[in-house]
Amino acid sequence: MNDYHGTDTVHAPQATPDTDARGKLVRPLLWLLLVLSLACDVVISSMHVKLLVELPVGLIGFSCIVGLVVHHYRYQRRPLGS
């Protein structure tokens, strides 16, 4: 029997204009922060600075990578048939 109300299909949540604009802003900021933290990490590593300075910069870079992965899976485009 056909389901005319569409209750048996699962649809991905649609992004509202507010979340869509915020999603477009987050990705470039995460990339910028990642590049800056990696550049700082290279400079700090070459200066042989203590671990207390090097560790937070590395954690910022790691957090950016995690944020980019989460952002990718949250805002990826799904094919029409799925």
Protein backbone atom coordinates (compact mmCIF):
# COMPACT_ATOMS: atom_id res chain seq x y z
CA MET A 1 0.00 0.00 0.00
CA ASN A 2 1.28 3.47 -0.78
CA ASP A 3 2.04 5.85 2.03
CA TYR A 4 0.70 9.22 0.91
CA HIS A 5 1.83 11.02 4.04
CA GLY A 6 5.48 10.06 3.66
CA THR A 7 5.85 8.67 7.16
CA ASP A 8 7.98 5.69 6.12
CA THR A 9 10.78 7.73 4.54
CA VAL A 10 13.52 9.32 6.60
CA HIS A 11 14.56 12.79 5.56
CA ALA A 12 17.70 14.59 6.63
CA PRO A 13 17.04 17.76 8.62
CA GLN A 14 17.06 20.80 6.40
CA ALA A 15 19.43 23.62 7.22
CA THR A 16 17.74 26.90 7.97
CA PRO A 17 19.22 30.07 6.45
CA ASP A 18 20.69 31.00 9.83
CA THR A 19 22.51 27.70 10.34
CA ASP A 20 23.50 27.55 6.68
CA ALA A 21 25.19 30.97 6.87
CA ARG A 22 26.89 30.04 10.13
CA GLY A 23 28.08 26.78 8.58
CA LYS A 24 29.64 28.65 5.68
CA LEU A 25 31.49 30.92 8.08
CA VAL A 26 32.80 28.22 10.42
CA ARG A 27 34.74 26.19 7.86
CA PRO A 28 37.04 29.01 6.62
CA LEU A 29 37.68 30.12 10.20
CA LEU A 30 38.63 26.58 11.21
CA TRP A 31 40.98 26.30 8.22
CA LEU A 32 42.58 29.65 9.03
CA LEU A 33 43.07 28.70 12.68
CA LEU A 34 44.49 25.32 11.65
CA VAL A 35 47.05 26.90 9.29
CA LEU A 36 48.04 29.49 11.91
CA SER A 37 48.41 26.89 14.64
CA LEU A 38 50.52 24.66 12.38
CA ALA A 39 52.75 27.61 11.46
CA CYS A 40 53.14 28.49 15.14
CA ASP A 41 53.89 24.86 15.93
CA VAL A 42 56.69 24.80 13.33
CA VAL A 43 58.22 28.00 14.73
CA ILE A 44 57.89 26.86 18.34
CA SER A 45 59.37 23.45 17.55
CA SER A 46 62.39 24.99 15.84
CA MET A 47 63.00 27.24 18.86
CA HIS A 48 63.06 24.23 21.25
CA VAL A 49 60.54 25.83 23.60
CA LYS A 50 59.21 23.92 26.58
CA LEU A 51 56.33 21.51 26.21
CA LEU A 52 54.00 23.81 28.17
CA VAL A 53 54.05 26.25 25.26
CA GLU A 54 54.08 23.69 22.45
CA LEU A 55 51.26 21.50 23.77
CA PRO A 56 48.42 24.09 23.67
CA VAL A 57 49.28 25.05 20.09
CA GLY A 58 49.15 21.39 19.08
CA LEU A 59 45.83 20.94 20.86
CA ILE A 60 44.39 23.94 19.01
CA GLY A 61 45.45 22.38 15.70
CA PHE A 62 43.97 19.02 16.69
CA SER A 63 40.73 20.69 17.76
CA CYS A 64 40.51 22.41 14.37
CA ILE A 65 40.90 19.09 12.59
CA VAL A 66 38.17 17.52 14.72
CA GLY A 67 35.95 20.54 14.11
CA LEU A 68 36.46 20.31 10.35
CA VAL A 69 35.57 16.60 10.34
CA VAL A 70 32.44 17.19 12.43
CA HIS A 71 31.45 20.12 10.23
CA HIS A 72 31.93 18.01 7.10
CA TYR A 73 29.66 15.23 8.31
CA ARG A 74 27.06 17.60 9.73
CA TYR A 75 26.72 19.77 6.61
CA GLN A 76 27.48 17.31 3.81
CA ARG A 77 25.08 17.23 0.92
CA ARG A 78 23.07 14.06 0.60
CA PRO A 79 22.06 12.60 -2.75
CA LEU A 80 18.41 13.11 -3.68
CA GLY A 81 17.55 9.41 -3.61
CA SER A 82 18.92 8.76 -0.11
